[in-house]
PDB file of all heavy atoms in Angstrom:
ATOM      1  N   ILE A   1       0.873  -1.177  -0.005  1.00  0.00           N
ATOM      2  CA  ILE A   1      -0.012  -0.010  -0.012  1.00  0.00           C
ATOM      3  C   ILE A   1       0.900   1.223   0.004  1.00  0.00           C
ATOM      4  O   ILE A   1       1.797   1.350   0.845  1.00  0.00           O
ATOM      5  CB  ILE A   1      -0.916   0.025   1.230  1.00  0.00           C
ATOM      6  CG1 ILE A   1      -1.727  -1.256   1.369  1.00  0.00           C
ATOM      7  CG2 ILE A   1      -1.865   1.246   1.148  1.00  0.00           C
ATOM      8  CD1 ILE A   1      -2.553  -1.330   2.634  1.00  0.00           C
ATOM      9  N   ASP A   2       0.661   2.111  -0.956  1.00  0.00           N
ATOM     10  CA  ASP A   2       1.434   3.366  -1.060  1.00  0.00           C
ATOM     11  C   ASP A   2       2.939   3.085  -1.081  1.00  0.00           C
ATOM     12  O   ASP A   2       3.754   3.823  -0.535  1.00  0.00           O
ATOM     13  CB  ASP A   2       1.148   4.301   0.137  1.00  0.00           C
ATOM     14  CG  ASP A   2      -0.343   4.720   0.124  1.00  0.00           C
ATOM     15  OD1 ASP A   2      -0.919   4.794  -0.954  1.00  0.00           O
ATOM     16  OD2 ASP A   2      -0.850   4.994   1.238  1.00  0.00           O
ATOM     17  N   GLY A   3       3.320   1.988  -1.773  1.00  0.00           N
ATOM     18  CA  GLY A   3       4.754   1.681  -1.918  1.00  0.00           C
ATOM     19  C   GLY A   3       5.349   1.033  -0.701  1.00  0.00           C
ATOM     20  O   GLY A   3       6.541   0.654  -0.706  1.00  0.00           O
ATOM     21  N   ARG A   4       4.618   0.875   0.390  1.00  0.00           N
ATOM     22  CA  ARG A   4       5.096   0.217   1.589  1.00  0.00           C
ATOM     23  C   ARG A   4       4.728  -1.253   1.516  1.00  0.00           C
ATOM     24  O   ARG A   4       3.574  -1.569   1.206  1.00  0.00           O
ATOM     25  CB  ARG A   4       4.511   0.886   2.832  1.00  0.00           C
ATOM     26  CG  ARG A   4       4.908   2.365   2.980  1.00  0.00           C
ATOM     27  CD  ARG A   4       4.086   3.054   4.038  1.00  0.00           C
ATOM     28  NE  ARG A   4       4.409   2.567   5.373  1.00  0.00           N
ATOM     29  CZ  ARG A   4       5.390   3.041   6.163  1.00  0.00           C
ATOM     30  NH1 ARG A   4       6.168   3.984   5.697  1.00  0.00           N
ATOM     31  NH2 ARG A   4       5.581   2.558   7.377  1.00  0.00           N
ATOM     32  N   VAL A   5       5.684  -2.134   1.845  1.00  0.00           N
ATOM     33  CA  VAL A   5       5.493  -3.558   1.666  1.00  0.00           C
ATOM     34  C   VAL A   5       5.595  -4.258   3.033  1.00  0.00           C
ATOM     35  O   VAL A   5       6.643  -4.205   3.674  1.00  0.00           O
ATOM     36  CB  VAL A   5       6.523  -4.157   0.706  1.00  0.00           C
ATOM     37  CG1 VAL A   5       6.244  -5.660   0.502  1.00  0.00           C
ATOM     38  CG2 VAL A   5       6.585  -3.388  -0.573  1.00  0.00           C
ATOM     39  N   LEU A   6       4.496  -4.887   3.433  1.00  0.00           N
ATOM     40  CA  LEU A   6       4.505  -5.734   4.618  1.00  0.00           C
ATOM     41  C   LEU A   6       4.686  -7.170   4.101  1.00  0.00           C
ATOM     42  O   LEU A   6       3.825  -7.687   3.377  1.00  0.00           O
ATOM     43  CB  LEU A   6       3.217  -5.599   5.418  1.00  0.00           C
ATOM     44  CG  LEU A   6       3.099  -6.523   6.646  1.00  0.00           C
ATOM     45  CD1 LEU A   6       4.182  -6.234   7.659  1.00  0.00           C
ATOM     46  CD2 LEU A   6       1.702  -6.377   7.274  1.00  0.00           C
ATOM     47  N   GLY A   7       5.805  -7.791   4.450  1.00  0.00           N
ATOM     48  CA  GLY A   7       6.031  -9.149   4.000  1.00  0.00           C
ATOM     49  C   GLY A   7       5.084 -10.130   4.668  1.00  0.00           C
ATOM     50  O   GLY A   7       4.311  -9.789   5.559  1.00  0.00           O
ATOM     51  N   ALA A   8       5.186 -11.373   4.232  1.00  0.00           N
ATOM     52  CA  ALA A   8       4.365 -12.449   4.780  1.00  0.00           C
ATOM     53  C   ALA A   8       5.186 -13.315   5.736  1.00  0.00           C
ATOM     54  O   ALA A   8       6.404 -13.402   5.622  1.00  0.00           O
ATOM     55  CB  ALA A   8       3.797 -13.300   3.666  1.00  0.00           C
ATOM     56  N   ARG A   9       4.479 -13.935   6.652  1.00  0.00           N
ATOM     57  CA  ARG A   9       5.056 -14.993   7.525  1.00  0.00           C
ATOM     58  C   ARG A   9       4.020 -16.114   7.492  1.00  0.00           C
ATOM     59  O   ARG A   9       2.955 -15.991   8.113  1.00  0.00           O
ATOM     60  CB  ARG A   9       5.309 -14.494   8.928  1.00  0.00           C
ATOM     61  CG  ARG A   9       5.990 -15.482   9.853  1.00  0.00           C
ATOM     62  CD  ARG A   9       6.287 -14.906  11.210  1.00  0.00           C
ATOM     63  NE  ARG A   9       7.296 -13.851  11.151  1.00  0.00           N
ATOM     64  CZ  ARG A   9       8.596 -14.059  11.196  1.00  0.00           C
ATOM     65  NH1 ARG A   9       9.063 -15.296  11.337  1.00  0.00           N
ATOM     66  NH2 ARG A   9       9.418 -13.037  11.151  1.00  0.00           N
ATOM     67  N   PHE A  10       4.319 -17.166   6.803  1.00  0.00           N
ATOM     68  CA  PHE A  10       3.336 -18.224   6.529  1.00  0.00           C
ATOM     69  C   PHE A  10       3.096 -19.107   7.740  1.00  0.00           C
ATOM     70  O   PHE A  10       4.038 -19.400   8.537  1.00  0.00           O
ATOM     71  CB  PHE A  10       3.767 -19.045   5.334  1.00  0.00           C
ATOM     72  CG  PHE A  10       3.619 -18.336   4.017  1.00  0.00           C
ATOM     73  CD1 PHE A  10       4.644 -17.551   3.516  1.00  0.00           C
ATOM     74  CD2 PHE A  10       2.436 -18.410   3.277  1.00  0.00           C
ATOM     75  CE1 PHE A  10       4.512 -16.886   2.314  1.00  0.00           C
ATOM     76  CE2 PHE A  10       2.312 -17.749   2.079  1.00  0.00           C
ATOM     77  CZ  PHE A  10       3.334 -16.972   1.605  1.00  0.00           C
ATOM     78  N   ALA A  11       1.881 -19.600   7.864  1.00  0.00           N
ATOM     79  CA  ALA A  11       1.495 -20.426   8.990  1.00  0.00           C
ATOM     80  C   ALA A  11       2.070 -21.855   8.853  1.00  0.00           C
ATOM     81  O   ALA A  11       2.451 -22.475   9.854  1.00  0.00           O
ATOM     82  CB  ALA A  11      -0.037 -20.476   9.114  1.00  0.00           C
ATOM     83  N   HIS A  12       2.074 -22.382   7.630  1.00  0.00           N
ATOM     84  CA  HIS A  12       2.489 -23.770   7.401  1.00  0.00           C
ATOM     85  C   HIS A  12       3.930 -23.842   6.916  1.00  0.00           C
ATOM     86  O   HIS A  12       4.359 -23.057   6.041  1.00  0.00           O
ATOM     87  CB  HIS A  12       1.584 -24.425   6.409  1.00  0.00           C
ATOM     88  CG  HIS A  12       0.163 -24.616   6.904  1.00  0.00           C
ATOM     89  ND1 HIS A  12      -0.157 -25.577   7.855  1.00  0.00           N
ATOM     90  CD2 HIS A  12      -0.992 -23.939   6.625  1.00  0.00           C
ATOM     91  CE1 HIS A  12      -1.465 -25.475   8.108  1.00  0.00           C
ATOM     92  NE2 HIS A  12      -1.982 -24.497   7.392  1.00  0.00           N
ATOM     93  N   PRO A  13       4.709 -24.815   7.432  1.00  0.00           N
ATOM     94  CA  PRO A  13       6.122 -24.871   7.015  1.00  0.00           C
ATOM     95  C   PRO A  13       6.310 -25.111   5.525  1.00  0.00           C
ATOM     96  O   PRO A  13       7.346 -24.708   4.984  1.00  0.00           O
ATOM     97  CB  PRO A  13       6.665 -26.072   7.845  1.00  0.00           C
ATOM     98  CG  PRO A  13       5.450 -26.831   8.291  1.00  0.00           C
ATOM     99  CD  PRO A  13       4.347 -25.810   8.418  1.00  0.00           C
ATOM    100  N   GLU A  14       5.359 -25.745   4.895  1.00  0.00           N
ATOM    101  CA  GLU A  14       5.509 -25.995   3.428  1.00  0.00           C
ATOM    102  C   GLU A  14       5.637 -24.705   2.630  1.00  0.00           C
ATOM    103  O   GLU A  14       6.234 -24.713   1.539  1.00  0.00           O
ATOM    104  CB  GLU A  14       4.296 -26.799   2.918  1.00  0.00           C
ATOM    105  CG  GLU A  14       4.215 -28.219   3.446  1.00  0.00           C
ATOM    106  CD  GLU A  14       3.440 -28.345   4.745  1.00  0.00           C
ATOM    107  OE1 GLU A  14       3.209 -27.306   5.385  1.00  0.00           O
ATOM    108  OE2 GLU A  14       3.066 -29.457   5.148  1.00  0.00           O
ATOM    109  N   ARG A  15       5.044 -23.636   3.135  1.00  0.00           N
ATOM    110  CA  ARG A  15       5.064 -22.374   2.368  1.00  0.00           C
ATOM    111  C   ARG A  15       6.004 -21.295   2.920  1.00  0.00           C
ATOM    112  O   ARG A  15       6.169 -20.263   2.259  1.00  0.00           O
ATOM    113  CB  ARG A  15       3.622 -21.810   2.329  1.00  0.00           C
ATOM    114  CG  ARG A  15       2.610 -22.715   1.650  1.00  0.00           C
ATOM    115  CD  ARG A  15       1.355 -21.954   1.216  1.00  0.00           C
ATOM    116  NE  ARG A  15       1.647 -20.956   0.222  1.00  0.00           N
ATOM    117  CZ  ARG A  15       0.753 -20.113  -0.269  1.00  0.00           C
ATOM    118  NH1 ARG A  15      -0.512 -20.152   0.169  1.00  0.00           N
ATOM    119  NH2 ARG A  15       1.091 -19.201  -1.198  1.00  0.00           N
ATOM    120  N   ARG A  16       6.586 -21.553   4.058  1.00  0.00           N
ATOM    121  CA  ARG A  16       7.407 -20.496   4.668  1.00  0.00           C
ATOM    122  C   ARG A  16       8.565 -19.993   3.808  1.00  0.00           C
ATOM    123  O   ARG A  16       8.847 -18.786   3.802  1.00  0.00           O
ATOM    124  CB  ARG A  16       7.948 -21.000   6.016  1.00  0.00           C
ATOM    125  CG  ARG A  16       6.832 -21.033   7.066  1.00  0.00           C
ATOM    126  CD  ARG A  16       7.280 -21.625   8.377  1.00  0.00           C
ATOM    127  NE  ARG A  16       6.115 -21.843   9.247  1.00  0.00           N
ATOM    128  CZ  ARG A  16       6.065 -22.684  10.275  1.00  0.00           C
ATOM    129  NH1 ARG A  16       7.166 -23.389  10.572  1.00  0.00           N
ATOM    130  NH2 ARG A  16       4.973 -22.807  10.991  1.00  0.00           N
ATOM    131  N   PRO A  17       9.224 -20.839   3.002  1.00  0.00           N
ATOM    132  CA  PRO A  17      10.316 -20.298   2.150  1.00  0.00           C
ATOM    133  C   PRO A  17       9.831 -19.305   1.096  1.00  0.00           C
ATOM    134  O   PRO A  17      10.665 -18.563   0.577  1.00  0.00           O
ATOM    135  CB  PRO A  17      10.878 -21.562   1.510  1.00  0.00           C
ATOM    136  CG  PRO A  17      10.512 -22.719   2.424  1.00  0.00           C
ATOM    137  CD  PRO A  17       9.170 -22.324   2.967  1.00  0.00           C
ATOM    138  N   GLU A  18       8.539 -19.285   0.802  1.00  0.00           N
ATOM    139  CA  GLU A  18       8.034 -18.345  -0.217  1.00  0.00           C
ATOM    140  C   GLU A  18       8.294 -16.874   0.220  1.00  0.00           C
ATOM    141  O   GLU A  18       8.521 -16.013  -0.612  1.00  0.00           O
ATOM    142  CB  GLU A  18       6.551 -18.531  -0.427  1.00  0.00           C
ATOM    143  CG  GLU A  18       6.166 -19.870  -1.037  1.00  0.00           C
ATOM    144  CD  GLU A  18       4.688 -20.010  -1.200  1.00  0.00           C
ATOM    145  OE1 GLU A  18       4.003 -18.969  -1.482  1.00  0.00           O
ATOM    146  OE2 GLU A  18       4.177 -21.123  -1.083  1.00  0.00           O
ATOM    147  N   ALA A  19       8.241 -16.640   1.525  1.00  0.00           N
ATOM    148  CA  ALA A  19       8.328 -15.259   2.015  1.00  0.00           C
ATOM    149  C   ALA A  19       9.641 -14.630   1.617  1.00  0.00           C
ATOM    150  O   ALA A  19       9.680 -13.447   1.223  1.00  0.00           O
ATOM    151  CB  ALA A  19       8.179 -15.260   3.551  1.00  0.00           C
ATOM    152  N   ALA A  20      10.749 -15.376   1.679  1.00  0.00           N
ATOM    153  CA  ALA A  20      12.034 -14.825   1.333  1.00  0.00           C
ATOM    154  C   ALA A  20      12.133 -14.452  -0.156  1.00  0.00           C
ATOM    155  O   ALA A  20      12.730 -13.436  -0.553  1.00  0.00           O
ATOM    156  CB  ALA A  20      13.139 -15.801   1.692  1.00  0.00           C
ATOM    157  N   LEU A  21      11.514 -15.262  -1.022  1.00  0.00           N
ATOM    158  CA  LEU A  21      11.512 -14.984  -2.445  1.00  0.00           C
ATOM    159  C   LEU A  21      10.740 -13.717  -2.750  1.00  0.00           C
ATOM    160  O   LEU A  21      11.139 -12.903  -3.604  1.00  0.00           O
ATOM    161  CB  LEU A  21      10.939 -16.173  -3.241  1.00  0.00           C
ATOM    162  CG  LEU A  21      11.727 -17.475  -3.112  1.00  0.00           C
ATOM    163  CD1 LEU A  21      11.127 -18.545  -4.018  1.00  0.00           C
ATOM    164  CD2 LEU A  21      13.194 -17.267  -3.454  1.00  0.00           C
ATOM    165  N   HIS A  22       9.629 -13.502  -2.071  1.00  0.00           N
ATOM    166  CA  HIS A  22       8.859 -12.260  -2.252  1.00  0.00           C
ATOM    167  C   HIS A  22       9.681 -11.073  -1.752  1.00  0.00           C
ATOM    168  O   HIS A  22       9.714 -10.017  -2.418  1.00  0.00           O
ATOM    169  CB  HIS A  22       7.531 -12.348  -1.494  1.00  0.00           C
ATOM    170  CG  HIS A  22       6.492 -13.079  -2.234  1.00  0.00           C
ATOM    171  ND1 HIS A  22       5.621 -12.443  -3.136  1.00  0.00           N
ATOM    172  CD2 HIS A  22       6.115 -14.400  -2.246  1.00  0.00           C
ATOM    173  CE1 HIS A  22       4.798 -13.320  -3.661  1.00  0.00           C
ATOM    174  NE2 HIS A  22       5.061 -14.512  -3.142  1.00  0.00           N
ATOM    175  N   ARG A  23      10.299 -11.208  -0.599  1.00  0.00           N
ATOM    176  CA  ARG A  23      11.122 -10.121  -0.083  1.00  0.00           C
ATOM    177  C   ARG A  23      12.221  -9.758  -1.074  1.00  0.00           C
ATOM    178  O   ARG A  23      12.437  -8.584  -1.379  1.00  0.00           O
ATOM    179  CB  ARG A  23      11.707 -10.516   1.272  1.00  0.00           C
ATOM    180  CG  ARG A  23      12.586  -9.447   1.894  1.00  0.00           C
ATOM    181  CD  ARG A  23      13.170  -9.936   3.248  1.00  0.00           C
ATOM    182  NE  ARG A  23      13.946  -8.909   3.875  1.00  0.00           N
ATOM    183  CZ  ARG A  23      15.220  -8.636   3.637  1.00  0.00           C
ATOM    184  NH1 ARG A  23      15.872  -9.344   2.723  1.00  0.00           N
ATOM    185  NH2 ARG A  23      15.823  -7.661   4.271  1.00  0.00           N
ATOM    186  N   GLU A  24      12.913 -10.758  -1.574  1.00  0.00           N
ATOM    187  CA  GLU A  24      14.004 -10.493  -2.518  1.00  0.00           C
ATOM    188  C   GLU A  24      13.475  -9.826  -3.761  1.00  0.00           C
ATOM    189  O   GLU A  24      14.123  -8.897  -4.318  1.00  0.00           O
ATOM    190  CB  GLU A  24      14.683 -11.808  -2.887  1.00  0.00           C
ATOM    191  CG  GLU A  24      15.470 -12.419  -1.745  1.00  0.00           C
ATOM    192  CD  GLU A  24      15.944 -13.834  -2.040  1.00  0.00           C
ATOM    193  OE1 GLU A  24      15.702 -14.296  -3.208  1.00  0.00           O
ATOM    194  OE2 GLU A  24      16.452 -14.509  -1.137  1.00  0.00           O
ATOM    195  N   TRP A  25      12.304 -10.217  -4.246  1.00  0.00           N
ATOM    196  CA  TRP A  25      11.744  -9.614  -5.448  1.00  0.00           C
ATOM    197  C   TRP A  25      11.437  -8.137  -5.217  1.00  0.00           C
ATOM    198  O   TRP A  25      11.774  -7.276  -6.044  1.00  0.00           O
ATOM    199  CB  TRP A  25      10.470 -10.333  -5.901  1.00  0.00           C
ATOM    200  CG  TRP A  25       9.964  -9.821  -7.207  1.00  0.00           C
ATOM    201  CD1 TRP A  25      10.284 -10.276  -8.444  1.00  0.00           C
ATOM    202  CD2 TRP A  25       9.088  -8.688  -7.421  1.00  0.00           C
ATOM    203  NE1 TRP A  25       9.662  -9.516  -9.411  1.00  0.00           N
ATOM    204  CE2 TRP A  25       8.941  -8.538  -8.814  1.00  0.00           C
ATOM    205  CE3 TRP A  25       8.427  -7.827  -6.544  1.00  0.00           C
ATOM    206  CZ2 TRP A  25       8.129  -7.557  -9.350  1.00  0.00           C
ATOM    207  CZ3 TRP A  25       7.635  -6.815  -7.086  1.00  0.00           C
ATOM    208  CH2 TRP A  25       7.480  -6.691  -8.475  1.00  0.00           C
ATOM    209  N   HIS A  26      10.824  -7.837  -4.081  1.00  0.00           N
ATOM    210  CA  HIS A  26      10.456  -6.437  -3.830  1.00  0.00           C
ATOM    211  C   HIS A  26      11.701  -5.571  -3.690  1.00  0.00           C
ATOM    212  O   HIS A  26      11.758  -4.439  -4.213  1.00  0.00           O
ATOM    213  CB  HIS A  26       9.601  -6.363  -2.546  1.00  0.00           C
ATOM    214  CG  HIS A  26       8.192  -6.742  -2.740  1.00  0.00           C
ATOM    215  ND1 HIS A  26       7.301  -5.980  -3.463  1.00  0.00           N
ATOM    216  CD2 HIS A  26       7.503  -7.856  -2.353  1.00  0.00           C
ATOM    217  CE1 HIS A  26       6.106  -6.582  -3.489  1.00  0.00           C
ATOM    218  NE2 HIS A  26       6.208  -7.691  -2.843  1.00  0.00           N
ATOM    219  N   LEU A  27      12.691  -6.050  -2.944  1.00  0.00           N
ATOM    220  CA  LEU A  27      13.891  -5.252  -2.772  1.00  0.00           C
ATOM    221  C   LEU A  27      14.670  -5.081  -4.065  1.00  0.00           C
ATOM    222  O   LEU A  27      15.242  -4.002  -4.333  1.00  0.00           O
ATOM    223  CB  LEU A  27      14.790  -5.916  -1.716  1.00  0.00           C
ATOM    224  CG  LEU A  27      14.211  -5.922  -0.302  1.00  0.00           C
ATOM    225  CD1 LEU A  27      15.148  -6.649   0.665  1.00  0.00           C
ATOM    226  CD2 LEU A  27      13.904  -4.550   0.203  1.00  0.00           C
ATOM    227  N   ARG A  28      14.682  -6.093  -4.904  1.00  0.00           N
ATOM    228  CA  ARG A  28      15.379  -6.012  -6.197  1.00  0.00           C
ATOM    229  C   ARG A  28      14.658  -5.157  -7.186  1.00  0.00           C
ATOM    230  O   ARG A  28      15.286  -4.366  -7.913  1.00  0.00           O
ATOM    231  CB  ARG A  28      15.574  -7.425  -6.754  1.00  0.00           C
ATOM    232  CG  ARG A  28      16.373  -7.515  -8.035  1.00  0.00           C
ATOM    233  CD  ARG A  28      16.588  -8.947  -8.448  1.00  0.00           C
ATOM    234  NE  ARG A  28      15.364  -9.621  -8.797  1.00  0.00           N
ATOM    235  CZ  ARG A  28      14.797 -10.573  -8.077  1.00  0.00           C
ATOM    236  NH1 ARG A  28      15.368 -10.963  -6.934  1.00  0.00           N
ATOM    237  NH2 ARG A  28      13.666 -11.141  -8.465  1.00  0.00           N
ATOM    238  N   SER A  29      13.373  -5.249  -7.226  1.00  0.00           N
ATOM    239  CA  SER A  29      12.590  -4.542  -8.258  1.00  0.00           C
ATOM    240  C   SER A  29      12.443  -3.070  -7.987  1.00  0.00           C
ATOM    241  O   SER A  29      12.161  -2.298  -8.903  1.00  0.00           O
ATOM    242  CB  SER A  29      11.189  -5.175  -8.414  1.00  0.00           C
ATOM    243  OG  SER A  29      10.433  -4.958  -7.237  1.00  0.00           O
ATOM    244  N   SER A  30      12.624  -2.658  -6.746  1.00  0.00           N
ATOM    245  CA  SER A  30      12.450  -1.253  -6.418  1.00  0.00           C
ATOM    246  C   SER A  30      13.531  -0.386  -7.026  1.00  0.00           C
ATOM    247  O   SER A  30      13.316   0.778  -7.374  1.00  0.00           O
ATOM    248  CB  SER A  30      12.402  -1.060  -4.907  1.00  0.00           C
ATOM    249  OG  SER A  30      13.658  -1.395  -4.312  1.00  0.00           O
ATOM    250  N   GLY A  31      14.753  -0.937  -7.121  1.00  0.00           N
ATOM    251  CA  GLY A  31      15.831  -0.145  -7.685  1.00  0.00           C
ATOM    252  C   GLY A  31      16.487   0.774  -6.661  1.00  0.00           C
ATOM    253  O   GLY A  31      15.859   1.191  -5.672  1.00  0.00           O
ATOM    254  N   ALA A  32      17.685   1.182  -6.939  1.00  0.00           N
ATOM    255  CA  ALA A  32      18.421   2.009  -5.973  1.00  0.00           C
ATOM    256  C   ALA A  32      17.836   3.429  -5.881  1.00  0.00           C
ATOM    257  O   ALA A  32      17.945   4.068  -4.832  1.00  0.00           O
ATOM    258  CB  ALA A  32      19.895   2.093  -6.401  1.00  0.00           C
ATOM    259  N   ALA A  33      17.239   3.906  -6.957  1.00  0.00           N
ATOM    260  CA  ALA A  33      16.713   5.255  -6.936  1.00  0.00           C
ATOM    261  C   ALA A  33      15.493   5.416  -6.024  1.00  0.00           C
ATOM    262  O   ALA A  33      15.276   6.494  -5.486  1.00  0.00           O
ATOM    263  CB  ALA A  33      16.352   5.690  -8.370  1.00  0.00           C
ATOM    264  N   ALA A  34      14.742   4.340  -5.901  1.00  0.00           N
ATOM    265  CA  ALA A  34      13.540   4.433  -5.065  1.00  0.00           C
ATOM    266  C   ALA A  34      13.431   3.141  -4.256  1.00  0.00           C
ATOM    267  O   ALA A  34      12.595   2.279  -4.535  1.00  0.00           O
ATOM    268  CB  ALA A  34      12.288   4.629  -5.959  1.00  0.00           C
ATOM    269  N   PRO A  35      14.264   2.983  -3.231  1.00  0.00           N
ATOM    270  CA  PRO A  35      14.231   1.764  -2.454  1.00  0.00           C
ATOM    271  C   PRO A  35      12.883   1.552  -1.773  1.00  0.00           C
ATOM    272  O   PRO A  35      12.275   2.470  -1.264  1.00  0.00           O
ATOM    273  CB  PRO A  35      15.336   1.965  -1.427  1.00  0.00           C
ATOM    274  CG  PRO A  35      15.539   3.436  -1.354  1.00  0.00           C
ATOM    275  CD  PRO A  35      15.208   3.944  -2.741  1.00  0.00           C
ATOM    276  N   VAL A  36      12.418   0.332  -1.780  1.00  0.00           N
ATOM    277  CA  VAL A  36      11.122   0.017  -1.234  1.00  0.00           C
ATOM    278  C   VAL A  36      11.217   0.033   0.303  1.00  0.00           C
ATOM    279  O   VAL A  36      12.244  -0.286   0.863  1.00  0.00           O
ATOM    280  CB  VAL A  36      10.645  -1.366  -1.756  1.00  0.00           C
ATOM    281  CG1 VAL A  36      11.456  -2.482  -1.159  1.00  0.00           C
ATOM    282  CG2 VAL A  36       9.148  -1.569  -1.414  1.00  0.00           C
ATOM    283  N   TYR A  37      10.139   0.451   0.951  1.00  0.00           N
ATOM    284  CA  TYR A  37      10.068   0.383   2.395  1.00  0.00           C
ATOM    285  C   TYR A  37       9.454  -0.958   2.755  1.00  0.00           C
ATOM    286  O   TYR A  37       8.238  -1.121   2.696  1.00  0.00           O
ATOM    287  CB  TYR A  37       9.242   1.564   2.894  1.00  0.00           C
ATOM    288  CG  TYR A  37       9.323   1.776   4.413  1.00  0.00           C
ATOM    289  CD1 TYR A  37       8.654   2.845   4.999  1.00  0.00           C
ATOM    290  CD2 TYR A  37      10.093   0.927   5.233  1.00  0.00           C
ATOM    291  CE1 TYR A  37       8.703   3.048   6.385  1.00  0.00           C
ATOM    292  CE2 TYR A  37      10.153   1.143   6.605  1.00  0.00           C
ATOM    293  CZ  TYR A  37       9.461   2.198   7.181  1.00  0.00           C
ATOM    294  OH  TYR A  37       9.524   2.401   8.533  1.00  0.00           O
ATOM    295  N   PHE A  38      10.293  -1.902   3.118  1.00  0.00           N
ATOM    296  CA  PHE A  38       9.862  -3.271   3.364  1.00  0.00           C
ATOM    297  C   PHE A  38       9.933  -3.571   4.861  1.00  0.00           C
ATOM    298  O   PHE A  38      10.942  -3.261   5.524  1.00  0.00           O
ATOM    299  CB  PHE A  38      10.754  -4.261   2.604  1.00  0.00           C
ATOM    300  CG  PHE A  38      10.306  -5.699   2.734  1.00  0.00           C
ATOM    301  CD1 PHE A  38       9.518  -6.270   1.768  1.00  0.00           C
ATOM    302  CD2 PHE A  38      10.692  -6.488   3.830  1.00  0.00           C
ATOM    303  CE1 PHE A  38       9.091  -7.593   1.869  1.00  0.00           C
ATOM    304  CE2 PHE A  38      10.263  -7.797   3.963  1.00  0.00           C
ATOM    305  CZ  PHE A  38       9.471  -8.338   2.953  1.00  0.00           C
ATOM    306  N   ARG A  39       8.861  -4.176   5.390  1.00  0.00           N
ATOM    307  CA  ARG A  39       8.859  -4.610   6.798  1.00  0.00           C
ATOM    308  C   ARG A  39       8.771  -6.121   6.868  1.00  0.00           C
ATOM    309  O   ARG A  39       7.885  -6.740   6.320  1.00  0.00           O
ATOM    310  CB  ARG A  39       7.667  -3.981   7.553  1.00  0.00           C
ATOM    311  CG  ARG A  39       7.612  -4.469   9.004  1.00  0.00           C
ATOM    312  CD  ARG A  39       6.421  -3.934   9.726  1.00  0.00           C
ATOM    313  NE  ARG A  39       6.299  -4.507  11.102  1.00  0.00           N
ATOM    314  CZ  ARG A  39       6.826  -3.974  12.182  1.00  0.00           C
ATOM    315  NH1 ARG A  39       7.520  -2.846  12.121  1.00  0.00           N
ATOM    316  NH2 ARG A  39       6.697  -4.556  13.375  1.00  0.00           N
ATOM    317  N   GLU A  40       9.752  -6.677   7.577  1.00  0.00           N
ATOM    318  CA  GLU A  40       9.700  -8.125   7.867  1.00  0.00           C
ATOM    319  C   GLU A  40       8.709  -8.317   9.030  1.00  0.00           C
ATOM    320  O   GLU A  40       8.900  -7.742  10.102  1.00  0.00           O
ATOM    321  CB  GLU A  40      11.107  -8.608   8.270  1.00  0.00           C
ATOM    322  CG  GLU A  40      11.250 -10.082   8.306  1.00  0.00           C
ATOM    323  CD  GLU A  40      11.291 -10.733   6.938  1.00  0.00           C
ATOM    324  OE1 GLU A  40      11.894 -10.109   6.040  1.00  0.00           O
ATOM    325  OE2 GLU A  40      10.696 -11.820   6.786  1.00  0.00           O
ATOM    326  N   PRO A  41       7.678  -9.101   8.835  1.00  0.00           N
ATOM    327  CA  PRO A  41       6.636  -9.192   9.890  1.00  0.00           C
ATOM    328  C   PRO A  41       7.084  -9.992  11.088  1.00  0.00           C
ATOM    329  O   PRO A  41       7.869 -10.938  10.980  1.00  0.00           O
ATOM    330  CB  PRO A  41       5.487  -9.904   9.166  1.00  0.00           C
ATOM    331  CG  PRO A  41       6.163 -10.739   8.137  1.00  0.00           C
ATOM    332  CD  PRO A  41       7.343  -9.931   7.659  1.00  0.00           C
ATOM    333  N   GLU A  42       6.582  -9.607  12.222  1.00  0.00           N
ATOM    334  CA  GLU A  42       6.826 -10.363  13.472  1.00  0.00           C
ATOM    335  C   GLU A  42       5.811 -11.442  13.666  1.00  0.00           C
ATOM    336  O   GLU A  42       6.075 -12.459  14.308  1.00  0.00           O
ATOM    337  CB  GLU A  42       6.813  -9.411  14.664  1.00  0.00           C
ATOM    338  CG  GLU A  42       7.892  -8.340  14.653  1.00  0.00           C
ATOM    339  CD  GLU A  42       7.809  -7.425  15.867  1.00  0.00           C
ATOM    340  OE1 GLU A  42       7.137  -7.829  16.853  1.00  0.00           O
ATOM    341  OE2 GLU A  42       8.362  -6.324  15.815  1.00  0.00           O
ATOM    342  N   HIS A  43       4.615 -11.223  13.127  1.00  0.00           N
ATOM    343  CA  HIS A  43       3.498 -12.146  13.387  1.00  0.00           C
ATOM    344  C   HIS A  43       3.009 -12.797  12.091  1.00  0.00           C
ATOM    345  O   HIS A  43       3.199 -12.263  10.983  1.00  0.00           O
ATOM    346  CB  HIS A  43       2.358 -11.424  14.078  1.00  0.00           C
ATOM    347  CG  HIS A  43       2.762 -10.711  15.323  1.00  0.00           C
ATOM    348  ND1 HIS A  43       3.121 -11.392  16.446  1.00  0.00           N
ATOM    349  CD2 HIS A  43       2.921  -9.390  15.599  1.00  0.00           C
ATOM    350  CE1 HIS A  43       3.475 -10.548  17.414  1.00  0.00           C
ATOM    351  NE2 HIS A  43       3.365  -9.314  16.899  1.00  0.00           N
ATOM    352  N   VAL A  44       2.376 -13.936  12.203  1.00  0.00           N
ATOM    353  CA  VAL A  44       1.904 -14.691  11.056  1.00  0.00           C
ATOM    354  C   VAL A  44       0.851 -13.885  10.307  1.00  0.00           C
ATOM    355  O   VAL A  44      -0.192 -13.481  10.877  1.00  0.00           O
ATOM    356  CB  VAL A  44       1.362 -16.042  11.459  1.00  0.00           C
ATOM    357  CG1 VAL A  44       0.693 -16.763  10.250  1.00  0.00           C
ATOM    358  CG2 VAL A  44       2.479 -16.934  12.028  1.00  0.00           C
ATOM    359  N   ASN A  45       1.135 -13.618   9.021  1.00  0.00           N
ATOM    360  CA  ASN A  45       0.096 -13.082   8.111  1.00  0.00           C
ATOM    361  C   ASN A  45       0.407 -13.663   6.755  1.00  0.00           C
ATOM    362  O   ASN A  45       1.556 -13.946   6.410  1.00  0.00           O
ATOM    363  CB  ASN A  45       0.104 -11.553   8.113  1.00  0.00           C
ATOM    364  CG  ASN A  45       1.122 -10.973   7.155  1.00  0.00           C
ATOM    365  OD1 ASN A  45       0.903 -10.942   5.938  1.00  0.00           O
ATOM    366  ND2 ASN A  45       2.260 -10.541   7.674  1.00  0.00           N
TER     367      ASN A  45
END
């Protein structure tokens, strides 16, 4: 929302590695000129 990215923390272990791939995509795609504001979540969402 508004360029701010709240990452995911998956409930099931089968899906937990997906979160890192999404995080890497957001950080890579934003570019150095406009770095994304990414938050690593503390709680499962």
